[in-house]
Amino acid sequence: MLVIRRRPGQSVLIGDDIEIEIIESGPSRVKLGIRAPQSVPVMRGEVRQTRAENLAASRTLDAVAPGEIAAVLGAARL
């Protein structure tokens, strides 16, 4: 991992197409601006992790028979 210091108004370039600019910084947070082609997905790390967890959970449900799901949902309503 590359660690560098930047101040508001300064930026970091990744390749020829991606620029990350420091918009604002405070003692406990930093606001970034990201310029990247639309073909490059940009998302927060926690969103990516939640998506992976949701996909894993959906694969688990795919292995369960539909009748079992209905039984579980019916029991939850009682």
Protein backbone atom coordinates (compact mmCIF):
# COMPACT_ATOMS: atom_id res chain seq x y z
CA MET A 1 0.00 0.00 0.00
CA LEU A 2 1.29 3.41 -0.94
CA VAL A 3 0.81 6.05 1.75
CA ILE A 4 1.30 9.71 0.85
CA ARG A 5 0.30 12.99 2.43
CA ARG A 6 -1.84 15.48 0.52
CA ARG A 7 -3.51 18.73 1.47
CA PRO A 8 -6.86 20.11 0.32
CA GLY A 9 -6.63 21.11 -3.34
CA GLN A 10 -3.89 18.57 -4.09
CA SER A 11 -4.50 15.35 -5.96
CA VAL A 12 -3.16 11.90 -6.74
CA LEU A 13 -3.18 10.40 -10.23
CA ILE A 14 -3.73 6.71 -10.86
CA GLY A 15 -2.71 5.84 -14.39
CA ASP A 16 -3.79 8.31 -17.07
CA ASP A 17 -7.52 8.25 -16.37
CA ILE A 18 -8.11 8.46 -12.61
CA GLU A 19 -7.58 11.49 -10.38
CA ILE A 20 -8.32 11.62 -6.66
CA GLU A 21 -8.46 15.14 -5.25
CA ILE A 22 -8.50 16.07 -1.59
CA ILE A 23 -11.48 18.39 -1.23
CA GLU A 24 -11.49 18.87 2.53
CA SER A 25 -9.74 17.38 5.54
CA GLY A 26 -10.35 17.51 9.25
CA PRO A 27 -9.00 15.80 12.35
CA SER A 28 -11.07 12.64 11.85
CA ARG A 29 -12.24 12.62 8.22
CA VAL A 30 -11.30 13.44 4.65
CA LYS A 31 -13.55 14.40 1.73
CA LEU A 32 -12.33 13.09 -1.63
CA GLY A 33 -13.30 13.92 -5.18
CA ILE A 34 -12.75 11.14 -7.73
CA ARG A 35 -12.56 11.67 -11.48
CA ALA A 36 -12.64 8.39 -13.39
CA PRO A 37 -14.11 7.08 -16.65
CA GLN A 38 -17.66 5.76 -16.33
CA SER A 39 -16.37 2.30 -17.24
CA VAL A 40 -14.39 2.18 -13.97
CA PRO A 41 -16.56 1.22 -10.99
CA VAL A 42 -15.98 3.43 -7.93
CA MET A 43 -17.56 2.43 -4.61
CA ARG A 44 -16.87 2.60 -0.90
CA GLY A 45 -15.23 -0.47 0.63
CA GLU A 46 -18.10 -1.14 3.03
CA VAL A 47 -20.60 -1.14 0.16
CA ARG A 48 -18.51 -3.74 -1.66
CA GLN A 49 -18.33 -5.89 1.49
CA THR A 50 -22.09 -5.69 2.08
CA ARG A 51 -22.71 -6.65 -1.55
CA ALA A 52 -20.43 -9.68 -1.20
CA GLU A 53 -22.23 -10.73 2.01
CA ASN A 54 -25.63 -10.37 0.33
CA LEU A 55 -24.52 -12.46 -2.65
CA ALA A 56 -23.19 -15.17 -0.32
CA ALA A 57 -26.49 -15.21 1.59
CA SER A 58 -28.49 -15.49 -1.63
CA ARG A 59 -26.40 -18.49 -2.71
CA THR A 60 -27.27 -20.16 0.60
CA LEU A 61 -30.98 -19.61 -0.08
CA ASP A 62 -30.61 -21.07 -3.58
CA ALA A 63 -29.63 -24.38 -1.96
CA VAL A 64 -32.82 -24.46 0.17
CA ALA A 65 -35.98 -25.97 -1.34
CA PRO A 66 -38.83 -23.47 -1.91
CA GLY A 67 -41.11 -25.49 0.43
CA GLU A 68 -38.64 -25.08 3.26
CA ILE A 69 -38.53 -21.32 2.73
CA ALA A 70 -42.33 -21.15 2.79
CA ALA A 71 -42.39 -23.18 6.02
CA VAL A 72 -39.87 -20.88 7.67
CA LEU A 73 -41.76 -17.76 6.56
CA GLY A 74 -45.06 -19.24 7.75
CA ALA A 75 -43.57 -20.08 11.14
CA ALA A 76 -42.17 -16.53 11.46
CA ARG A 77 -45.67 -15.07 11.14
CA LEU A 78 -46.99 -16.98 14.15
